[in-house]
Amino acid sequence: MVEAASQGRRHEPIREIGLGVGSACLGTIALVLFFLPILSIPIALAGLGVGIAGIFLRGGDSAIGLRSSIAGVVLCAAGATMGSAIVYSSTGELTDLHRPVQTSSQWRSPTAPPPARLGRMF
């Protein structure tokens, strides 16, 4: 009886949303690991590829497969953007090349300060 019920069902929708769900999972992992760009950027790029493949390889009129693939692409793009922002945020202060760099020897005063007076402090 169980076999007769399972023969009438199509298992196609699960296969059609597989790439989209995989892309969404990779995008979520990339967003969670955004503070580790060495992990988040490759994971996001892999998920982006899986999501784009899910958009173009979706079979028939599977709207749920298309929606999950688009959601995965959006999550992966956000994860890659946040990981890249972490990578390039530390170099923002080093790009000002027109200002000369001051060394610690330029900050020192040429003479020693005068000695403090003995007596009342206030």
PDB file of N, CA and C in Angstrom:
ATOM      1  N   MET A   1       0.815  -1.176   0.000  1.00  0.00           N
ATOM      2  CA  MET A   1       0.000   0.000   0.000  1.00  0.00           C
ATOM      3  C   MET A   1       0.872   1.257   0.000  1.00  0.00           C
ATOM      4  N   VAL A   2       1.973   1.212   0.733  1.00  0.00           N
ATOM      5  CA  VAL A   2       2.882   2.351   0.752  1.00  0.00           C
ATOM      6  C   VAL A   2       3.535   2.527  -0.608  1.00  0.00           C
ATOM      7  N   GLU A   3       3.860   1.429  -1.251  1.00  0.00           N
ATOM      8  CA  GLU A   3       4.482   1.505  -2.572  1.00  0.00           C
ATOM      9  C   GLU A   3       3.526   2.099  -3.593  1.00  0.00           C
ATOM     10  N   ALA A   4       2.259   1.759  -3.486  1.00  0.00           N
ATOM     11  CA  ALA A   4       1.278   2.290  -4.433  1.00  0.00           C
ATOM     12  C   ALA A   4       1.126   3.797  -4.253  1.00  0.00           C
ATOM     13  N   ALA A   5       1.171   4.272  -3.022  1.00  0.00           N
ATOM     14  CA  ALA A   5       1.044   5.713  -2.785  1.00  0.00           C
ATOM     15  C   ALA A   5       2.289   6.452  -3.247  1.00  0.00           C
ATOM     16  N   SER A   6       3.459   5.862  -3.086  1.00  0.00           N
ATOM     17  CA  SER A   6       4.691   6.552  -3.485  1.00  0.00           C
ATOM     18  C   SER A   6       4.913   6.523  -4.980  1.00  0.00           C
ATOM     19  N   GLN A   7       4.273   5.572  -5.681  1.00  0.00           N
ATOM     20  CA  GLN A   7       4.440   5.529  -7.131  1.00  0.00           C
ATOM     21  C   GLN A   7       3.679   6.654  -7.816  1.00  0.00           C
ATOM     22  N   GLY A   8       2.606   7.119  -7.215  1.00  0.00           N
ATOM     23  CA  GLY A   8       1.817   8.173  -7.826  1.00  0.00           C
ATOM     24  C   GLY A   8       2.427   9.558  -7.632  1.00  0.00           C
ATOM     25  N   ARG A   9       3.353   9.725  -6.723  1.00  0.00           N
ATOM     26  CA  ARG A   9       3.961  11.034  -6.443  1.00  0.00           C
ATOM     27  C   ARG A   9       5.175  11.265  -7.317  1.00  0.00           C
ATOM     28  N   ARG A  10       5.363  12.521  -7.598  1.00  0.00           N
ATOM     29  CA  ARG A  10       6.592  12.908  -8.302  1.00  0.00           C
ATOM     30  C   ARG A  10       7.558  13.495  -7.282  1.00  0.00           C
ATOM     31  N   HIS A  11       8.787  13.128  -7.349  1.00  0.00           N
ATOM     32  CA  HIS A  11       9.803  13.647  -6.442  1.00  0.00           C
ATOM     33  C   HIS A  11      10.638  14.739  -7.103  1.00  0.00           C
ATOM     34  N   GLU A  12      10.128  15.305  -8.149  1.00  0.00           N
ATOM     35  CA  GLU A  12      10.853  16.328  -8.895  1.00  0.00           C
ATOM     36  C   GLU A  12      11.056  17.629  -8.119  1.00  0.00           C
ATOM     37  N   PRO A  13      10.064  18.157  -7.360  1.00  0.00           N
ATOM     38  CA  PRO A  13      10.273  19.450  -6.713  1.00  0.00           C
ATOM     39  C   PRO A  13      11.458  19.478  -5.757  1.00  0.00           C
ATOM     40  N   ILE A  14      11.728  18.368  -5.104  1.00  0.00           N
ATOM     41  CA  ILE A  14      12.863  18.340  -4.186  1.00  0.00           C
ATOM     42  C   ILE A  14      14.166  18.475  -4.962  1.00  0.00           C
ATOM     43  N   ARG A  15      14.260  17.847  -6.096  1.00  0.00           N
ATOM     44  CA  ARG A  15      15.468  17.940  -6.896  1.00  0.00           C
ATOM     45  C   ARG A  15      15.618  19.337  -7.486  1.00  0.00           C
ATOM     46  N   GLU A  16      14.515  19.978  -7.827  1.00  0.00           N
ATOM     47  CA  GLU A  16      14.579  21.284  -8.460  1.00  0.00           C
ATOM     48  C   GLU A  16      14.994  22.385  -7.500  1.00  0.00           C
ATOM     49  N   ILE A  17      14.734  22.247  -6.214  1.00  0.00           N
ATOM     50  CA  ILE A  17      15.109  23.294  -5.272  1.00  0.00           C
ATOM     51  C   ILE A  17      16.458  23.026  -4.615  1.00  0.00           C
ATOM     52  N   GLY A  18      17.086  21.928  -4.972  1.00  0.00           N
ATOM     53  CA  GLY A  18      18.349  21.555  -4.327  1.00  0.00           C
ATOM     54  C   GLY A  18      19.444  22.583  -4.501  1.00  0.00           C
ATOM     55  N   LEU A  19      19.627  23.097  -5.703  1.00  0.00           N
ATOM     56  CA  LEU A  19      20.675  24.086  -5.932  1.00  0.00           C
ATOM     57  C   LEU A  19      20.373  25.390  -5.210  1.00  0.00           C
ATOM     58  N   GLY A  20      19.105  25.771  -5.190  1.00  0.00           N
ATOM     59  CA  GLY A  20      18.728  27.003  -4.503  1.00  0.00           C
ATOM     60  C   GLY A  20      18.931  26.924  -3.006  1.00  0.00           C
ATOM     61  N   VAL A  21      18.545  25.803  -2.428  1.00  0.00           N
ATOM     62  CA  VAL A  21      18.718  25.620  -0.986  1.00  0.00           C
ATOM     63  C   VAL A  21      20.205  25.527  -0.640  1.00  0.00           C
ATOM     64  N   GLY A  22      20.969  24.870  -1.475  1.00  0.00           N
ATOM     65  CA  GLY A  22      22.416  24.807  -1.248  1.00  0.00           C
ATOM     66  C   GLY A  22      23.053  26.181  -1.303  1.00  0.00           C
ATOM     67  N   SER A  23      22.624  26.985  -2.252  1.00  0.00           N
ATOM     68  CA  SER A  23      23.145  28.341  -2.358  1.00  0.00           C
ATOM     69  C   SER A  23      22.735  29.178  -1.153  1.00  0.00           C
ATOM     70  N   ALA A  24      21.496  29.028  -0.701  1.00  0.00           N
ATOM     71  CA  ALA A  24      21.031  29.776   0.468  1.00  0.00           C
ATOM     72  C   ALA A  24      21.792  29.357   1.729  1.00  0.00           C
ATOM     73  N   CYS A  25      22.081  28.077   1.858  1.00  0.00           N
ATOM     74  CA  CYS A  25      22.855  27.607   3.022  1.00  0.00           C
ATOM     75  C   CYS A  25      24.276  28.158   2.991  1.00  0.00           C
ATOM     76  N   LEU A  26      24.908  28.126   1.822  1.00  0.00           N
ATOM     77  CA  LEU A  26      26.259  28.668   1.720  1.00  0.00           C
ATOM     78  C   LEU A  26      26.267  30.174   1.966  1.00  0.00           C
ATOM     79  N   GLY A  27      25.241  30.872   1.503  1.00  0.00           N
ATOM     80  CA  GLY A  27      25.151  32.309   1.757  1.00  0.00           C
ATOM     81  C   GLY A  27      24.964  32.626   3.226  1.00  0.00           C
ATOM     82  N   THR A  28      24.180  31.822   3.914  1.00  0.00           N
ATOM     83  CA  THR A  28      23.986  32.025   5.341  1.00  0.00           C
ATOM     84  C   THR A  28      25.276  31.769   6.110  1.00  0.00           C
ATOM     85  N   ILE A  29      25.992  30.746   5.732  1.00  0.00           N
ATOM     86  CA  ILE A  29      27.283  30.454   6.378  1.00  0.00           C
ATOM     87  C   ILE A  29      28.263  31.593   6.119  1.00  0.00           C
ATOM     88  N   ALA A  30      28.275  32.121   4.894  1.00  0.00           N
ATOM     89  CA  ALA A  30      29.169  33.242   4.570  1.00  0.00           C
ATOM     90  C   ALA A  30      28.813  34.481   5.375  1.00  0.00           C
ATOM     91  N   LEU A  31      27.517  34.719   5.595  1.00  0.00           N
ATOM     92  CA  LEU A  31      27.115  35.870   6.408  1.00  0.00           C
ATOM     93  C   LEU A  31      27.493  35.694   7.872  1.00  0.00           C
ATOM     94  N   VAL A  32      27.409  34.477   8.364  1.00  0.00           N
ATOM     95  CA  VAL A  32      27.780  34.233   9.760  1.00  0.00           C
ATOM     96  C   VAL A  32      29.290  34.398   9.948  1.00  0.00           C
ATOM     97  N   LEU A  33      30.062  34.019   8.934  1.00  0.00           N
ATOM     98  CA  LEU A  33      31.525  34.073   9.030  1.00  0.00           C
ATOM     99  C   LEU A  33      32.112  35.325   8.372  1.00  0.00           C
ATOM    100  N   PHE A  34      31.350  36.421   8.314  1.00  0.00           N
ATOM    101  CA  PHE A  34      31.841  37.601   7.608  1.00  0.00           C
ATOM    102  C   PHE A  34      33.096  38.186   8.248  1.00  0.00           C
ATOM    103  N   PHE A  35      33.311  37.977   9.525  1.00  0.00           N
ATOM    104  CA  PHE A  35      34.485  38.510  10.204  1.00  0.00           C
ATOM    105  C   PHE A  35      35.745  37.694   9.915  1.00  0.00           C
ATOM    106  N   LEU A  36      35.602  36.561   9.250  1.00  0.00           N
ATOM    107  CA  LEU A  36      36.734  35.760   8.796  1.00  0.00           C
ATOM    108  C   LEU A  36      36.716  35.727   7.266  1.00  0.00           C
ATOM    109  N   PRO A  37      37.222  36.771   6.623  1.00  0.00           N
ATOM    110  CA  PRO A  37      37.084  36.854   5.168  1.00  0.00           C
ATOM    111  C   PRO A  37      37.793  35.739   4.414  1.00  0.00           C
ATOM    112  N   ILE A  38      38.790  35.113   5.032  1.00  0.00           N
ATOM    113  CA  ILE A  38      39.477  34.023   4.345  1.00  0.00           C
ATOM    114  C   ILE A  38      38.548  32.816   4.181  1.00  0.00           C
ATOM    115  N   LEU A  39      37.510  32.721   5.001  1.00  0.00           N
ATOM    116  CA  LEU A  39      36.509  31.665   4.864  1.00  0.00           C
ATOM    117  C   LEU A  39      35.242  32.156   4.168  1.00  0.00           C
ATOM    118  N   SER A  40      34.798  33.352   4.506  1.00  0.00           N
ATOM    119  CA  SER A  40      33.496  33.805   4.015  1.00  0.00           C
ATOM    120  C   SER A  40      33.496  34.118   2.519  1.00  0.00           C
ATOM    121  N   ILE A  41      34.568  34.689   2.003  1.00  0.00           N
ATOM    122  CA  ILE A  41      34.575  35.061   0.578  1.00  0.00           C
ATOM    123  C   ILE A  41      34.567  33.823  -0.321  1.00  0.00           C
ATOM    124  N   PRO A  42      35.408  32.807  -0.102  1.00  0.00           N
ATOM    125  CA  PRO A  42      35.311  31.615  -0.963  1.00  0.00           C
ATOM    126  C   PRO A  42      33.982  30.875  -0.828  1.00  0.00           C
ATOM    127  N   ILE A  43      33.438  30.812   0.391  1.00  0.00           N
ATOM    128  CA  ILE A  43      32.146  30.157   0.571  1.00  0.00           C
ATOM    129  C   ILE A  43      31.068  30.924  -0.167  1.00  0.00           C
ATOM    130  N   ALA A  44      31.100  32.256  -0.086  1.00  0.00           N
ATOM    131  CA  ALA A  44      30.099  33.074  -0.774  1.00  0.00           C
ATOM    132  C   ALA A  44      30.231  32.951  -2.292  1.00  0.00           C
ATOM    133  N   LEU A  45      31.443  32.898  -2.790  1.00  0.00           N
ATOM    134  CA  LEU A  45      31.624  32.762  -4.240  1.00  0.00           C
ATOM    135  C   LEU A  45      31.159  31.388  -4.732  1.00  0.00           C
ATOM    136  N   ALA A  46      31.402  30.360  -3.937  1.00  0.00           N
ATOM    137  CA  ALA A  46      30.907  29.034  -4.311  1.00  0.00           C
ATOM    138  C   ALA A  46      29.379  29.004  -4.299  1.00  0.00           C
ATOM    139  N   GLY A  47      28.784  29.604  -3.288  1.00  0.00           N
ATOM    140  CA  GLY A  47      27.334  29.673  -3.222  1.00  0.00           C
ATOM    141  C   GLY A  47      26.741  30.522  -4.333  1.00  0.00           C
ATOM    142  N   LEU A  48      27.459  31.562  -4.732  1.00  0.00           N
ATOM    143  CA  LEU A  48      27.012  32.392  -5.849  1.00  0.00           C
ATOM    144  C   LEU A  48      26.977  31.589  -7.138  1.00  0.00           C
ATOM    145  N   GLY A  49      28.000  30.776  -7.344  1.00  0.00           N
ATOM    146  CA  GLY A  49      28.022  29.916  -8.526  1.00  0.00           C
ATOM    147  C   GLY A  49      26.911  28.881  -8.506  1.00  0.00           C
ATOM    148  N   VAL A  50      26.665  28.294  -7.347  1.00  0.00           N
ATOM    149  CA  VAL A  50      25.596  27.299  -7.224  1.00  0.00           C
ATOM    150  C   VAL A  50      24.235  27.958  -7.448  1.00  0.00           C
ATOM    151  N   GLY A  51      24.053  29.165  -6.911  1.00  0.00           N
ATOM    152  CA  GLY A  51      22.777  29.859  -7.076  1.00  0.00           C
ATOM    153  C   GLY A  51      22.522  30.268  -8.509  1.00  0.00           C
ATOM    154  N   ILE A  52      23.553  30.739  -9.198  1.00  0.00           N
ATOM    155  CA  ILE A  52      23.393  31.106 -10.608  1.00  0.00           C
ATOM    156  C   ILE A  52      23.120  29.862 -11.445  1.00  0.00           C
ATOM    157  N   ALA A  53      23.789  28.770 -11.122  1.00  0.00           N
ATOM    158  CA  ALA A  53      23.499  27.515 -11.818  1.00  0.00           C
ATOM    159  C   ALA A  53      22.065  27.072 -11.549  1.00  0.00           C
ATOM    160  N   GLY A  54      21.581  27.279 -10.337  1.00  0.00           N
ATOM    161  CA  GLY A  54      20.205  26.929 -10.008  1.00  0.00           C
ATOM    162  C   GLY A  54      19.191  27.770 -10.759  1.00  0.00           C
ATOM    163  N   ILE A  55      19.536  29.032 -11.037  1.00  0.00           N
ATOM    164  CA  ILE A  55      18.632  29.892 -11.805  1.00  0.00           C
ATOM    165  C   ILE A  55      18.548  29.423 -13.249  1.00  0.00           C
ATOM    166  N   PHE A  56      19.694  29.119 -13.842  1.00  0.00           N
ATOM    167  CA  PHE A  56      19.702  28.752 -15.255  1.00  0.00           C
ATOM    168  C   PHE A  56      19.328  27.294 -15.514  1.00  0.00           C
ATOM    169  N   LEU A  57      19.544  26.420 -14.556  1.00  0.00           N
ATOM    170  CA  LEU A  57      19.266  25.002 -14.758  1.00  0.00           C
ATOM    171  C   LEU A  57      17.948  24.550 -14.145  1.00  0.00           C
ATOM    172  N   ARG A  58      17.136  25.473 -13.688  1.00  0.00           N
ATOM    173  CA  ARG A  58      15.873  25.059 -13.080  1.00  0.00           C
ATOM    174  C   ARG A  58      15.009  24.396 -14.137  1.00  0.00           C
ATOM    175  N   GLY A  59      14.337  23.381 -13.738  1.00  0.00           N
ATOM    176  CA  GLY A  59      13.555  22.608 -14.689  1.00  0.00           C
ATOM    177  C   GLY A  59      12.097  23.015 -14.713  1.00  0.00           C
ATOM    178  N   GLY A  60      11.549  23.184 -15.877  1.00  0.00           N
ATOM    179  CA  GLY A  60      10.121  23.445 -16.037  1.00  0.00           C
ATOM    180  C   GLY A  60       9.692  24.769 -15.448  1.00  0.00           C
ATOM    181  N   ASP A  61       8.525  24.736 -14.813  1.00  0.00           N
ATOM    182  CA  ASP A  61       7.949  25.948 -14.235  1.00  0.00           C
ATOM    183  C   ASP A  61       8.061  25.934 -12.721  1.00  0.00           C
ATOM    184  N   SER A  62       9.213  25.640 -12.221  1.00  0.00           N
ATOM    185  CA  SER A  62       9.407  25.547 -10.777  1.00  0.00           C
ATOM    186  C   SER A  62       9.675  26.933 -10.206  1.00  0.00           C
ATOM    187  N   ALA A  63       8.630  27.561  -9.707  1.00  0.00           N
ATOM    188  CA  ALA A  63       8.787  28.888  -9.124  1.00  0.00           C
ATOM    189  C   ALA A  63       9.520  28.817  -7.790  1.00  0.00           C
ATOM    190  N   ILE A  64       9.310  27.737  -7.052  1.00  0.00           N
ATOM    191  CA  ILE A  64       9.975  27.610  -5.754  1.00  0.00           C
ATOM    192  C   ILE A  64      11.483  27.418  -5.924  1.00  0.00           C
ATOM    193  N   GLY A  65      11.890  26.720  -6.967  1.00  0.00           N
ATOM    194  CA  GLY A  65      13.313  26.567  -7.237  1.00  0.00           C
ATOM    195  C   GLY A  65      13.960  27.879  -7.638  1.00  0.00           C
ATOM    196  N   LEU A  66      13.227  28.674  -8.414  1.00  0.00           N
ATOM    197  CA  LEU A  66      13.744  29.975  -8.821  1.00  0.00           C
ATOM    198  C   LEU A  66      13.851  30.914  -7.625  1.00  0.00           C
ATOM    199  N   ARG A  67      12.848  30.920  -6.766  1.00  0.00           N
ATOM    200  CA  ARG A  67      12.877  31.801  -5.594  1.00  0.00           C
ATOM    201  C   ARG A  67      14.006  31.434  -4.647  1.00  0.00           C
ATOM    202  N   SER A  68      14.213  30.159  -4.423  1.00  0.00           N
ATOM    203  CA  SER A  68      15.288  29.760  -3.507  1.00  0.00           C
ATOM    204  C   SER A  68      16.655  30.046  -4.110  1.00  0.00           C
ATOM    205  N   SER A  69      16.784  29.921  -5.419  1.00  0.00           N
ATOM    206  CA  SER A  69      18.063  30.250  -6.064  1.00  0.00           C
ATOM    207  C   SER A  69      18.344  31.743  -5.998  1.00  0.00           C
ATOM    208  N   ILE A  70      17.322  32.562  -6.210  1.00  0.00           N
ATOM    209  CA  ILE A  70      17.514  34.009  -6.122  1.00  0.00           C
ATOM    210  C   ILE A  70      17.846  34.414  -4.690  1.00  0.00           C
ATOM    211  N   ALA A  71      17.177  33.813  -3.721  1.00  0.00           N
ATOM    212  CA  ALA A  71      17.484  34.100  -2.319  1.00  0.00           C
ATOM    213  C   ALA A  71      18.922  33.704  -1.991  1.00  0.00           C
ATOM    214  N   GLY A  72      19.378  32.581  -2.517  1.00  0.00           N
ATOM    215  CA  GLY A  72      20.754  32.153  -2.294  1.00  0.00           C
ATOM    216  C   GLY A  72      21.756  33.095  -2.921  1.00  0.00           C
ATOM    217  N   VAL A  73      21.447  33.584  -4.125  1.00  0.00           N
ATOM    218  CA  VAL A  73      22.349  34.539  -4.792  1.00  0.00           C
ATOM    219  C   VAL A  73      22.428  35.833  -3.992  1.00  0.00           C
ATOM    220  N   VAL A  74      21.302  36.307  -3.482  1.00  0.00           N
ATOM    221  CA  VAL A  74      21.297  37.540  -2.690  1.00  0.00           C
ATOM    222  C   VAL A  74      22.085  37.357  -1.398  1.00  0.00           C
ATOM    223  N   LEU A  75      21.881  36.236  -0.708  1.00  0.00           N
ATOM    224  CA  LEU A  75      22.630  35.978   0.527  1.00  0.00           C
ATOM    225  C   LEU A  75      24.123  35.858   0.263  1.00  0.00           C
ATOM    226  N   CYS A  76      24.494  35.180  -0.815  1.00  0.00           N
ATOM    227  CA  CYS A  76      25.915  35.022  -1.132  1.00  0.00           C
ATOM    228  C   CYS A  76      26.545  36.348  -1.537  1.00  0.00           C
ATOM    229  N   ALA A  77      25.808  37.171  -2.276  1.00  0.00           N
ATOM    230  CA  ALA A  77      26.339  38.489  -2.641  1.00  0.00           C
ATOM    231  C   ALA A  77      26.537  39.351  -1.401  1.00  0.00           C
ATOM    232  N   ALA A  78      25.604  39.280  -0.460  1.00  0.00           N
ATOM    233  CA  ALA A  78      25.751  40.037   0.785  1.00  0.00           C
ATOM    234  C   ALA A  78      26.947  39.518   1.597  1.00  0.00           C
ATOM    235  N   GLY A  79      27.122  38.213   1.656  1.00  0.00           N
ATOM    236  CA  GLY A  79      28.264  37.653   2.388  1.00  0.00           C
ATOM    237  C   GLY A  79      29.593  38.023   1.764  1.00  0.00           C
ATOM    238  N   ALA A  80      29.665  37.997   0.438  1.00  0.00           N
ATOM    239  CA  ALA A  80      30.906  38.381  -0.250  1.00  0.00           C
ATOM    240  C   ALA A  80      31.184  39.868  -0.071  1.00  0.00           C
ATOM    241  N   THR A  81      30.141  40.684  -0.093  1.00  0.00           N
ATOM    242  CA  THR A  81      30.315  42.129   0.100  1.00  0.00           C
ATOM    243  C   THR A  81      30.799  42.443   1.505  1.00  0.00           C
ATOM    244  N   MET A  82      30.207  41.795   2.497  1.00  0.00           N
ATOM    245  CA  MET A  82      30.632  42.049   3.874  1.00  0.00           C
ATOM    246  C   MET A  82      32.050  41.537   4.132  1.00  0.00           C
ATOM    247  N   GLY A  83      32.391  40.403   3.578  1.00  0.00           N
ATOM    248  CA  GLY A  83      33.754  39.897   3.725  1.00  0.00           C
ATOM    249  C   GLY A  83      34.769  40.791   3.047  1.00  0.00           C
ATOM    250  N   SER A  84      34.427  41.310   1.867  1.00  0.00           N
ATOM    251  CA  SER A  84      35.329  42.225   1.163  1.00  0.00           C
ATOM    252  C   SER A  84      35.462  43.542   1.910  1.00  0.00           C
ATOM    253  N   ALA A  85      34.381  43.991   2.527  1.00  0.00           N
ATOM    254  CA  ALA A  85      34.451  45.229   3.309  1.00  0.00           C
ATOM    255  C   ALA A  85      35.394  45.074   4.492  1.00  0.00           C
ATOM    256  N   ILE A  86      35.409  43.909   5.095  1.00  0.00           N
ATOM    257  CA  ILE A  86      36.339  43.661   6.201  1.00  0.00           C
ATOM    258  C   ILE A  86      37.778  43.657   5.697  1.00  0.00           C
ATOM    259  N   VAL A  87      38.000  43.077   4.530  1.00  0.00           N
ATOM    260  CA  VAL A  87      39.359  43.010   3.986  1.00  0.00           C
ATOM    261  C   VAL A  87      39.884  44.404   3.654  1.00  0.00           C
ATOM    262  N   TYR A  88      39.061  45.217   3.015  1.00  0.00           N
ATOM    263  CA  TYR A  88      39.523  46.517   2.543  1.00  0.00           C
ATOM    264  C   TYR A  88      39.324  47.644   3.540  1.00  0.00           C
ATOM    265  N   SER A  89      38.727  47.384   4.685  1.00  0.00           N
ATOM    266  CA  SER A  89      38.516  48.456   5.655  1.00  0.00           C
ATOM    267  C   SER A  89      39.810  48.875   6.331  1.00  0.00           C
ATOM    268  N   SER A  90      40.737  47.990   6.527  1.00  0.00           N
ATOM    269  CA  SER A  90      41.976  48.340   7.215  1.00  0.00           C
ATOM    270  C   SER A  90      42.945  49.107   6.332  1.00  0.00           C
ATOM    271  N   THR A  91      42.766  49.102   5.031  1.00  0.00           N
ATOM    272  CA  THR A  91      43.678  49.821   4.155  1.00  0.00           C
ATOM    273  C   THR A  91      43.214  51.237   3.865  1.00  0.00           C
ATOM    274  N   GLY A  92      42.106  51.667   4.418  1.00  0.00           N
ATOM    275  CA  GLY A  92      41.582  52.997   4.153  1.00  0.00           C
ATOM    276  C   GLY A  92      42.480  54.103   4.657  1.00  0.00           C
ATOM    277  N   GLU A  93      43.178  53.913   5.759  1.00  0.00           N
ATOM    278  CA  GLU A  93      44.040  54.945   6.303  1.00  0.00           C
ATOM    279  C   GLU A  93      45.372  55.023   5.587  1.00  0.00           C
ATOM    280  N   LEU A  94      45.741  54.013   4.853  1.00  0.00           N
ATOM    281  CA  LEU A  94      47.043  53.992   4.202  1.00  0.00           C
ATOM    282  C   LEU A  94      47.019  54.570   2.792  1.00  0.00           C
ATOM    283  N   THR A  95      45.863  55.015   2.320  1.00  0.00           N
ATOM    284  CA  THR A  95      45.777  55.478   0.943  1.00  0.00           C
ATOM    285  C   THR A  95      46.080  56.954   0.776  1.00  0.00           C
ATOM    286  N   ASP A  96      46.281  57.713   1.867  1.00  0.00           N
ATOM    287  CA  ASP A  96      46.573  59.139   1.772  1.00  0.00           C
ATOM    288  C   ASP A  96      48.065  59.313   1.509  1.00  0.00           C
ATOM    289  N   LEU A  97      48.446  59.368   0.243  1.00  0.00           N
ATOM    290  CA  LEU A  97      49.860  59.435  -0.127  1.00  0.00           C
ATOM    291  C   LEU A  97      50.383  60.857  -0.223  1.00  0.00           C
ATOM    292  N   HIS A  98      49.518  61.867  -0.198  1.00  0.00           N
ATOM    293  CA  HIS A  98      49.957  63.254  -0.345  1.00  0.00           C
ATOM    294  C   HIS A  98      50.443  63.847   0.964  1.00  0.00           C
ATOM    295  N   ARG A  99      50.116  63.259   2.072  1.00  0.00           N
ATOM    296  CA  ARG A  99      50.533  63.757   3.368  1.00  0.00           C
ATOM    297  C   ARG A  99      51.836  63.059   3.762  1.00  0.00           C
ATOM    298  N   PRO A 100      52.859  63.822   4.132  1.00  0.00           N
ATOM    299  CA  PRO A 100      54.116  63.170   4.543  1.00  0.00           C
ATOM    300  C   PRO A 100      53.929  62.432   5.872  1.00  0.00           C
ATOM    301  N   VAL A 101      54.629  61.356   5.992  1.00  0.00           N
ATOM    302  CA  VAL A 101      54.560  60.545   7.199  1.00  0.00           C
ATOM    303  C   VAL A 101      55.482  61.141   8.242  1.00  0.00           C
ATOM    304  N   GLN A 102      54.966  61.350   9.455  1.00  0.00           N
ATOM    305  CA  GLN A 102      55.778  61.898  10.530  1.00  0.00           C
ATOM    306  C   GLN A 102      56.349  60.755  11.350  1.00  0.00           C
ATOM    307  N   THR A 103      57.628  60.848  11.596  1.00  0.00           N
ATOM    308  CA  THR A 103      58.264  59.837  12.436  1.00  0.00           C
ATOM    309  C   THR A 103      58.296  60.328  13.868  1.00  0.00           C
ATOM    310  N   SER A 104      58.640  59.467  14.778  1.00  0.00           N
ATOM    311  CA  SER A 104      58.653  59.835  16.188  1.00  0.00           C
ATOM    312  C   SER A 104      59.755  60.844  16.494  1.00  0.00           C
ATOM    313  N   SER A 105      60.815  60.905  15.699  1.00  0.00           N
ATOM    314  CA  SER A 105      61.876  61.880  15.953  1.00  0.00           C
ATOM    315  C   SER A 105      61.401  63.297  15.644  1.00  0.00           C
ATOM    316  N   GLN A 106      60.441  63.483  14.792  1.00  0.00           N
ATOM    317  CA  GLN A 106      59.925  64.817  14.497  1.00  0.00           C
ATOM    318  C   GLN A 106      59.002  65.318  15.600  1.00  0.00           C
ATOM    319  N   TRP A 107      58.479  64.484  16.419  1.00  0.00           N
ATOM    320  CA  TRP A 107      57.559  64.888  17.474  1.00  0.00           C
ATOM    321  C   TRP A 107      58.298  65.298  18.750  1.00  0.00           C
ATOM    322  N   ARG A 108      59.519  64.914  18.879  1.00  0.00           N
ATOM    323  CA  ARG A 108      60.280  65.236  20.090  1.00  0.00           C
ATOM    324  C   ARG A 108      60.656  66.715  20.086  1.00  0.00           C
ATOM    325  N   SER A 109      60.658  67.301  21.271  1.00  0.00           N
ATOM    326  CA  SER A 109      61.077  68.698  21.373  1.00  0.00           C
ATOM    327  C   SER A 109      62.608  68.744  21.356  1.00  0.00           C
ATOM    328  N   PRO A 110      63.179  69.823  20.842  1.00  0.00           N
ATOM    329  CA  PRO A 110      64.644  69.882  20.725  1.00  0.00           C
ATOM    330  C   PRO A 110      65.364  70.027  22.059  1.00  0.00           C
ATOM    331  N   THR A 111      64.692  70.573  23.069  1.00  0.00           N
ATOM    332  CA  THR A 111      65.351  70.745  24.370  1.00  0.00           C
ATOM    333  C   THR A 111      64.514  70.067  25.440  1.00  0.00           C
ATOM    334  N   ALA A 112      65.142  69.848  26.571  1.00  0.00           N
ATOM    335  CA  ALA A 112      64.444  69.248  27.706  1.00  0.00           C
ATOM    336  C   ALA A 112      63.570  70.314  28.364  1.00  0.00           C
ATOM    337  N   PRO A 113      62.458  69.932  28.949  1.00  0.00           N
ATOM    338  CA  PRO A 113      61.614  70.922  29.612  1.00  0.00           C
ATOM    339  C   PRO A 113      62.299  71.437  30.874  1.00  0.00           C
ATOM    340  N   PRO A 114      61.923  72.623  31.337  1.00  0.00           N
ATOM    341  CA  PRO A 114      62.574  73.170  32.555  1.00  0.00           C
ATOM    342  C   PRO A 114      62.174  72.342  33.765  1.00  0.00           C
ATOM    343  N   PRO A 115      63.008  72.345  34.788  1.00  0.00           N
ATOM    344  CA  PRO A 115      62.685  71.565  35.979  1.00  0.00           C
ATOM    345  C   PRO A 115      61.482  72.148  36.701  1.00  0.00           C
ATOM    346  N   ALA A 116      60.771  71.307  37.433  1.00  0.00           N
ATOM    347  CA  ALA A 116      59.596  71.747  38.175  1.00  0.00           C
ATOM    348  C   ALA A 116      60.024  72.548  39.388  1.00  0.00           C
ATOM    349  N   ARG A 117      59.186  73.552  39.786  1.00  0.00           N
ATOM    350  CA  ARG A 117      59.495  74.367  40.941  1.00  0.00           C
ATOM    351  C   ARG A 117      59.155  73.605  42.214  1.00  0.00           C
ATOM    352  N   LEU A 118      59.951  73.794  43.227  1.00  0.00           N
ATOM    353  CA  LEU A 118      59.654  73.211  44.528  1.00  0.00           C
ATOM    354  C   LEU A 118      58.713  74.135  45.258  1.00  0.00           C
ATOM    355  N   GLY A 119      57.850  73.579  46.012  1.00  0.00           N
ATOM    356  CA  GLY A 119      56.938  74.416  46.781  1.00  0.00           C
ATOM    357  C   GLY A 119      55.507  73.971  46.591  1.00  0.00           C
ATOM    358  N   ARG A 120      54.619  74.954  46.590  1.00  0.00           N
ATOM    359  CA  ARG A 120      53.205  74.615  46.482  1.00  0.00           C
ATOM    360  C   ARG A 120      52.891  74.137  45.068  1.00  0.00           C
ATOM    361  N   MET A 121      52.103  73.085  45.019  1.00  0.00           N
ATOM    362  CA  MET A 121      51.728  72.536  43.707  1.00  0.00           C
ATOM    363  C   MET A 121      50.482  73.221  43.183  1.00  0.00           C
ATOM    364  N   PHE A 122      49.564  73.671  44.090  1.00  0.00           N
ATOM    365  CA  PHE A 122      48.307  74.235  43.615  1.00  0.00           C
ATOM    366  C   PHE A 122      48.174  75.654  44.030  1.00  0.00           C
TER     367      PHE A 122
END
